[in-house]
Amino acid sequence: MAPGGSAFKEEVDSLPKSANYDIAMVKAEKSSNSLKTKNGLSEKQGISSTNGVHELLQCPVCRSSMYPPIHQCPNGHTLCSNCKIRVHNSCPTCRFDLGDIRCLALERVAESLELPCQYQSLGCHDIFPYYSKLKHEQNCRFRPYNCPYAGSECSITGDIRTLVEHLKDDHKVDMHDGCTFNHRYVKSNPHEVENATWMLTVFNCYGKQFCLHFEAFQAGMAPVYMAFLRFMGEDIEARKYSYTLEVGGYGRKLTWQGVPRSIRDSHKKVRDSQDGLIIPRALALFFSGGDGQELKLRVTGRIWKEL
């Protein structure tokens, strides 16, 4: 019942219960609107407040988002479970022992948050509950790609256009237009397999980019040469294409037909799965002719789009 004088009380008491509820709701709305006006609040500032809560969920040590269990020291300073181990159970803010105190309140607050994907600027405009956001981002199709160059531990990431320019300018990779290729690989000392050069060529075909890899490595005890193709894009797009690779000489040839792998799969993953044209060294030297002191292989191929 709303507070007030006796006359007001009698008048309200004479109304049906539903009317009491309506009056209470109207007063609550007026009070809420008055408070918002007084404090200068708006919906946009509400969003800013959400961002403020999100900042509270950033670990002060690694700056990553915190997920349960979120730990806190006796003074209320929080940090993630990974950093709790790294700081040897000592609060990095006040140096108190952390103990095993969970910040349950912050964990509950996180449940109510909905946040945009961190790759929003790259094209992902979806909104996710806080605890679902990380899983999405690990597989978001808009997340940056790693540099596909295999000859070094390159840390550059970016979209396809950025990586194509990076490969051309920084790694000096050969760029070719067309969907067929005819490459010749020569090495003066084919017995030094561990020192073989990893070679990469990029083809612009159907308006997409494909990476042709050719390298030597040890497959168990036997040294082999391998050629394979990777697609600069998502796996679902890569499956729309097929390719063939062929190598031979002296009336013999090896042919491989397959589907290019996405550069989401690391170079090592593709190589270790042997998903490509495999040429044993003895056969490679036979194709090369001569006395086996020089590797001379010609690899031809074609890329086409499946209907």
Protein backbone atom coordinates (compact mmCIF):
# COMPACT_ATOMS: atom_id res chain seq x y z
CA MET A 1 0.00 0.00 0.00
CA ALA A 2 1.39 3.44 -0.92
CA PRO A 3 2.35 5.66 2.02
CA GLY A 4 0.36 8.87 2.68
CA GLY A 5 -2.35 10.52 4.82
CA SER A 6 -5.46 8.78 6.13
CA ALA A 7 -7.75 10.20 3.42
CA PHE A 8 -5.41 8.91 0.73
CA LYS A 9 -5.18 5.61 2.57
CA GLU A 10 -8.96 5.15 2.62
CA GLU A 11 -9.23 6.01 -1.07
CA VAL A 12 -6.57 3.50 -2.02
CA ASP A 13 -8.05 0.86 0.25
CA SER A 14 -11.34 1.20 -1.56
CA LEU A 15 -9.72 0.35 -4.91
CA PRO A 16 -9.40 -3.22 -6.22
CA LYS A 17 -6.07 -5.02 -5.65
CA SER A 18 -5.21 -4.76 -9.33
CA ALA A 19 -5.51 -0.99 -9.08
CA ASN A 20 -3.04 -1.01 -6.17
CA TYR A 21 -0.59 -2.86 -8.38
CA ASP A 22 -1.06 -0.39 -11.24
CA ILE A 23 -0.47 2.58 -8.93
CA ALA A 24 2.67 0.98 -7.53
CA MET A 25 4.01 0.29 -11.03
CA VAL A 26 3.34 3.88 -12.17
CA LYS A 27 5.09 5.27 -9.09
CA ALA A 28 8.04 2.94 -9.60
CA GLU A 29 8.38 3.98 -13.24
CA LYS A 30 8.22 7.68 -12.32
CA SER A 31 10.79 7.15 -9.60
CA SER A 32 13.08 5.28 -12.00
CA ASN A 33 12.73 7.92 -14.72
CA SER A 34 13.36 10.68 -12.19
CA LEU A 35 16.51 8.94 -10.97
CA LYS A 36 17.77 8.46 -14.53
CA THR A 37 17.14 12.14 -15.32
CA LYS A 38 18.83 13.28 -12.14
CA ASN A 39 21.91 11.15 -12.74
CA GLY A 40 21.99 11.87 -16.49
CA LEU A 41 21.74 8.16 -17.32
CA SER A 42 20.85 6.86 -20.76
CA GLU A 43 20.84 3.53 -22.55
CA LYS A 44 24.23 4.29 -24.11
CA GLN A 45 25.70 4.89 -20.67
CA GLY A 46 24.21 1.56 -19.65
CA ILE A 47 26.29 -0.07 -22.36
CA SER A 48 29.32 1.80 -21.06
CA SER A 49 28.55 0.35 -17.64
CA THR A 50 28.61 -3.15 -19.15
CA ASN A 51 32.01 -2.39 -20.61
CA GLY A 52 33.10 -1.31 -17.13
CA VAL A 53 32.02 -4.66 -15.70
CA HIS A 54 33.87 -6.39 -18.53
CA GLU A 55 37.02 -4.51 -17.52
CA LEU A 56 36.60 -5.86 -13.98
CA LEU A 57 36.71 -9.34 -15.52
CA GLN A 58 40.15 -8.74 -17.04
CA CYS A 59 42.97 -10.37 -15.13
CA PRO A 60 45.33 -7.61 -13.89
CA VAL A 61 48.34 -9.83 -14.60
CA CYS A 62 47.80 -11.28 -18.10
CA ARG A 63 44.99 -8.89 -19.18
CA SER A 64 42.96 -11.83 -20.49
CA SER A 65 39.30 -12.35 -19.63
CA MET A 66 38.82 -14.34 -16.43
CA TYR A 67 36.71 -17.49 -16.27
CA PRO A 68 35.77 -19.66 -13.26
CA PRO A 69 37.42 -20.21 -10.95
CA ILE A 70 38.12 -16.48 -10.44
CA HIS A 71 40.35 -16.01 -7.40
CA GLN A 72 40.64 -13.09 -5.00
CA CYS A 73 42.91 -12.14 -2.11
CA PRO A 74 41.56 -11.15 1.36
CA ASN A 75 41.59 -7.51 0.18
CA GLY A 76 39.38 -8.26 -2.83
CA HIS A 77 41.96 -8.12 -5.62
CA THR A 78 41.13 -10.64 -8.34
CA LEU A 79 43.13 -12.68 -10.84
CA CYS A 80 42.67 -15.71 -13.09
CA SER A 81 43.48 -19.29 -12.12
CA ASN A 82 46.48 -19.50 -14.50
CA CYS A 83 48.11 -16.40 -13.03
CA LYS A 84 47.41 -17.58 -9.47
CA ILE A 85 49.93 -20.36 -10.13
CA ARG A 86 52.38 -18.02 -11.85
CA VAL A 87 52.49 -15.53 -8.94
CA HIS A 88 53.13 -18.34 -6.42
CA ASN A 89 49.95 -17.65 -4.43
CA SER A 90 50.94 -14.05 -3.66
CA CYS A 91 48.58 -11.24 -4.67
CA PRO A 92 50.40 -9.12 -7.29
CA THR A 93 48.58 -5.99 -6.07
CA CYS A 94 48.97 -6.08 -2.28
CA ARG A 95 51.32 -9.07 -1.76
CA PHE A 96 48.92 -10.82 0.65
CA ASP A 97 48.65 -14.60 0.44
CA LEU A 98 45.86 -15.49 -1.95
CA GLY A 99 44.64 -18.65 -0.26
CA ASP A 100 41.71 -20.36 -1.98
CA ILE A 101 39.08 -17.63 -1.98
CA ARG A 102 36.70 -17.67 -4.96
CA CYS A 103 35.14 -14.43 -6.18
CA LEU A 104 31.69 -15.95 -6.64
CA ALA A 105 29.99 -12.57 -6.98
CA LEU A 106 32.07 -11.66 -10.04
CA GLU A 107 31.50 -15.10 -11.53
CA ARG A 108 27.73 -14.59 -11.18
CA VAL A 109 27.90 -11.11 -12.68
CA ALA A 110 29.75 -12.53 -15.70
CA GLU A 111 26.82 -14.88 -16.35
CA SER A 112 24.57 -11.89 -17.07
CA LEU A 113 26.90 -10.24 -19.59
CA GLU A 114 26.51 -10.37 -23.37
CA LEU A 115 29.49 -9.08 -25.32
CA PRO A 116 30.55 -8.68 -28.97
CA CYS A 117 33.17 -10.95 -30.50
CA GLN A 118 36.69 -9.53 -30.24
CA TYR A 119 36.90 -9.80 -34.04
CA GLN A 120 34.03 -7.36 -34.53
CA SER A 121 36.30 -4.96 -36.44
CA LEU A 122 37.14 -7.79 -38.87
CA GLY A 123 33.49 -8.50 -39.69
CA CYS A 124 31.94 -10.61 -36.89
CA HIS A 125 28.88 -8.77 -35.56
CA ASP A 126 27.44 -11.50 -33.32
CA ILE A 127 26.80 -11.03 -29.58
CA PHE A 128 27.56 -13.84 -27.11
CA PRO A 129 27.01 -14.63 -23.44
CA TYR A 130 30.26 -14.05 -21.56
CA TYR A 131 30.97 -17.74 -20.94
CA SER A 132 30.28 -18.67 -24.61
CA LYS A 133 32.35 -15.88 -26.13
CA LEU A 134 35.77 -17.52 -25.72
CA LYS A 135 34.70 -20.79 -27.37
CA HIS A 136 33.25 -18.89 -30.31
CA GLU A 137 36.38 -16.76 -30.76
CA GLN A 138 38.60 -19.84 -30.92
CA ASN A 139 36.76 -20.88 -34.10
CA CYS A 140 35.42 -17.57 -35.40
CA ARG A 141 35.71 -17.47 -39.18
CA PHE A 142 36.74 -13.81 -38.95
CA ARG A 143 39.74 -14.47 -36.69
CA PRO A 144 43.13 -13.58 -38.24
CA TYR A 145 45.08 -16.19 -40.20
CA ASN A 146 48.65 -17.17 -39.39
CA CYS A 147 51.34 -16.56 -41.99
CA PRO A 148 51.49 -19.70 -44.21
CA TYR A 149 55.22 -19.39 -44.90
CA ALA A 150 56.86 -22.60 -43.69
CA GLY A 151 60.54 -21.73 -43.71
CA SER A 152 60.52 -19.66 -40.52
CA GLU A 153 58.61 -19.15 -37.32
CA CYS A 154 56.77 -16.08 -38.61
CA SER A 155 54.46 -14.44 -36.06
CA ILE A 156 52.56 -12.23 -38.52
CA THR A 157 48.77 -12.65 -38.56
CA GLY A 158 46.07 -10.90 -40.55
CA ASP A 159 43.37 -11.21 -43.19
CA ILE A 160 44.09 -12.77 -46.58
CA ARG A 161 44.90 -9.48 -48.32
CA THR A 162 47.36 -8.55 -45.57
CA LEU A 163 49.09 -11.94 -45.71
CA VAL A 164 49.39 -11.91 -49.51
CA GLU A 165 51.19 -8.56 -49.34
CA HIS A 166 53.31 -9.82 -46.45
CA LEU A 167 54.36 -12.96 -48.37
CA LYS A 168 55.28 -10.90 -51.42
CA ASP A 169 57.11 -8.07 -49.64
CA ASP A 170 58.70 -9.77 -46.61
CA HIS A 171 59.22 -13.38 -47.70
CA LYS A 172 59.78 -12.58 -51.41
CA VAL A 173 57.42 -15.38 -52.43
CA ASP A 174 56.77 -15.85 -56.16
CA MET A 175 53.25 -14.82 -57.18
CA HIS A 176 51.57 -16.25 -60.29
CA ASP A 177 48.19 -15.80 -61.97
CA GLY A 178 46.53 -18.90 -63.37
CA CYS A 179 45.18 -22.31 -62.42
CA THR A 180 47.88 -24.46 -64.02
CA PHE A 181 51.55 -24.60 -63.15
CA ASN A 182 54.82 -26.17 -64.26
CA HIS A 183 57.60 -25.83 -61.69
CA ARG A 184 61.15 -27.12 -61.77
CA TYR A 185 62.96 -27.81 -58.50
CA VAL A 186 66.75 -28.20 -58.52
CA LYS A 187 69.06 -29.03 -55.61
CA SER A 188 72.78 -29.67 -55.98
CA ASN A 189 73.12 -31.97 -52.95
CA PRO A 190 69.91 -33.97 -52.48
CA HIS A 191 71.48 -36.11 -49.74
CA GLU A 192 71.32 -33.23 -47.24
CA VAL A 193 67.62 -33.65 -46.68
CA GLU A 194 67.61 -31.88 -43.32
CA ASN A 195 68.96 -28.74 -44.99
CA ALA A 196 66.59 -28.77 -47.97
CA THR A 197 64.95 -25.46 -48.74
CA TRP A 198 61.23 -25.20 -48.12
CA MET A 199 59.74 -23.53 -51.18
CA LEU A 200 56.45 -21.69 -51.47
CA THR A 201 54.65 -20.26 -54.50
CA VAL A 202 51.31 -18.45 -54.41
CA PHE A 203 48.79 -18.79 -57.25
CA ASN A 204 45.89 -16.43 -57.89
CA CYS A 205 43.15 -18.66 -59.31
CA TYR A 206 39.37 -18.03 -59.47
CA GLY A 207 40.03 -14.84 -57.52
CA LYS A 208 41.41 -16.90 -54.61
CA GLN A 209 44.95 -17.60 -53.44
CA PHE A 210 46.56 -21.04 -53.23
CA CYS A 211 49.95 -21.89 -51.68
CA LEU A 212 52.05 -24.57 -53.39
CA HIS A 213 54.56 -26.11 -50.96
CA PHE A 214 57.54 -28.25 -51.96
CA GLU A 215 60.03 -29.59 -49.43
CA ALA A 216 62.16 -32.46 -48.20
CA PHE A 217 61.93 -34.13 -44.82
CA GLN A 218 62.49 -37.43 -43.03
CA ALA A 219 59.49 -39.79 -43.02
CA GLY A 220 60.71 -42.25 -40.40
CA MET A 221 64.14 -43.40 -41.63
CA ALA A 222 63.46 -42.62 -45.27
CA PRO A 223 63.98 -39.14 -46.73
CA VAL A 224 61.16 -38.01 -49.00
CA TYR A 225 60.10 -35.02 -51.07
CA MET A 226 56.57 -33.71 -50.80
CA ALA A 227 54.38 -31.25 -52.70
CA PHE A 228 50.96 -30.08 -51.53
CA LEU A 229 48.52 -27.22 -51.91
CA ARG A 230 46.91 -25.03 -49.24
CA PHE A 231 43.99 -22.65 -49.68
CA MET A 232 44.15 -19.14 -48.25
CA GLY A 233 40.72 -19.14 -46.63
CA GLU A 234 38.33 -21.28 -44.60
CA ASP A 235 38.09 -25.06 -44.89
CA ILE A 236 34.47 -24.88 -46.07
CA GLU A 237 35.67 -22.80 -49.03
CA ALA A 238 38.72 -25.00 -49.66
CA ARG A 239 36.45 -28.01 -50.19
CA LYS A 240 34.97 -26.33 -53.27
CA TYR A 241 38.26 -26.90 -55.13
CA SER A 242 40.37 -29.84 -56.25
CA TYR A 243 43.87 -30.12 -57.64
CA THR A 244 46.30 -32.54 -59.25
CA LEU A 245 50.09 -32.75 -58.98
CA GLU A 246 52.29 -34.81 -61.27
CA VAL A 247 56.00 -35.59 -61.34
CA GLY A 248 57.88 -38.04 -63.55
CA GLY A 249 60.59 -38.87 -66.02
CA TYR A 250 61.90 -41.67 -68.23
CA GLY A 251 58.42 -42.96 -69.02
CA ARG A 252 57.26 -43.07 -65.39
CA LYS A 253 55.13 -40.65 -63.42
CA LEU A 254 53.44 -40.17 -60.07
CA THR A 255 50.08 -38.37 -59.91
CA TRP A 256 48.26 -37.01 -56.89
CA GLN A 257 44.69 -35.70 -56.78
CA GLY A 258 43.24 -34.10 -53.70
CA VAL A 259 41.48 -31.19 -52.04
CA PRO A 260 43.58 -28.23 -50.86
CA ARG A 261 43.84 -27.81 -47.11
CA SER A 262 42.94 -24.52 -45.49
CA ILE A 263 45.80 -22.48 -44.04
CA ARG A 264 43.88 -22.82 -40.76
CA ASP A 265 45.66 -26.20 -40.69
CA SER A 266 49.29 -25.57 -39.89
CA HIS A 267 51.97 -26.43 -42.40
CA LYS A 268 53.33 -29.07 -40.02
CA LYS A 269 49.89 -30.67 -39.59
CA VAL A 270 49.45 -31.06 -43.34
CA ARG A 271 53.00 -32.31 -43.83
CA ASP A 272 52.81 -34.84 -41.00
CA SER A 273 49.51 -36.20 -42.35
CA GLN A 274 51.30 -36.70 -45.72
CA ASP A 275 48.26 -35.23 -47.46
CA GLY A 276 49.99 -34.54 -50.77
CA LEU A 277 52.30 -35.89 -53.46
CA ILE A 278 55.00 -38.00 -51.76
CA ILE A 279 58.17 -38.80 -53.72
CA PRO A 280 60.70 -41.21 -52.14
CA ARG A 281 64.27 -39.94 -52.61
CA ALA A 282 65.37 -42.95 -54.66
CA LEU A 283 62.52 -42.37 -57.11
CA ALA A 284 63.15 -38.61 -57.13
CA LEU A 285 66.78 -39.23 -58.09
CA PHE A 286 65.66 -41.67 -60.80
CA PHE A 287 63.34 -39.02 -62.23
CA SER A 288 66.26 -36.57 -62.10
CA GLY A 289 68.51 -38.80 -64.22
CA GLY A 290 72.29 -38.51 -64.22
CA ASP A 291 74.40 -40.02 -61.45
CA GLY A 292 72.10 -39.11 -58.56
CA GLN A 293 74.23 -36.17 -57.47
CA GLU A 294 71.66 -33.54 -58.39
CA LEU A 295 67.93 -33.29 -57.84
CA LYS A 296 66.02 -32.04 -60.88
CA LEU A 297 62.25 -32.47 -60.57
CA ARG A 298 59.51 -30.95 -62.68
CA VAL A 299 56.16 -30.74 -60.90
CA THR A 300 53.08 -29.89 -62.95
CA GLY A 301 49.58 -29.33 -61.67
CA ARG A 302 46.12 -27.92 -62.12
CA ILE A 303 43.48 -26.38 -59.86
CA TRP A 304 39.77 -26.49 -60.66
CA LYS A 305 36.51 -25.59 -59.01
CA GLU A 306 34.01 -28.33 -58.28
CA LEU A 307 30.51 -27.75 -59.68
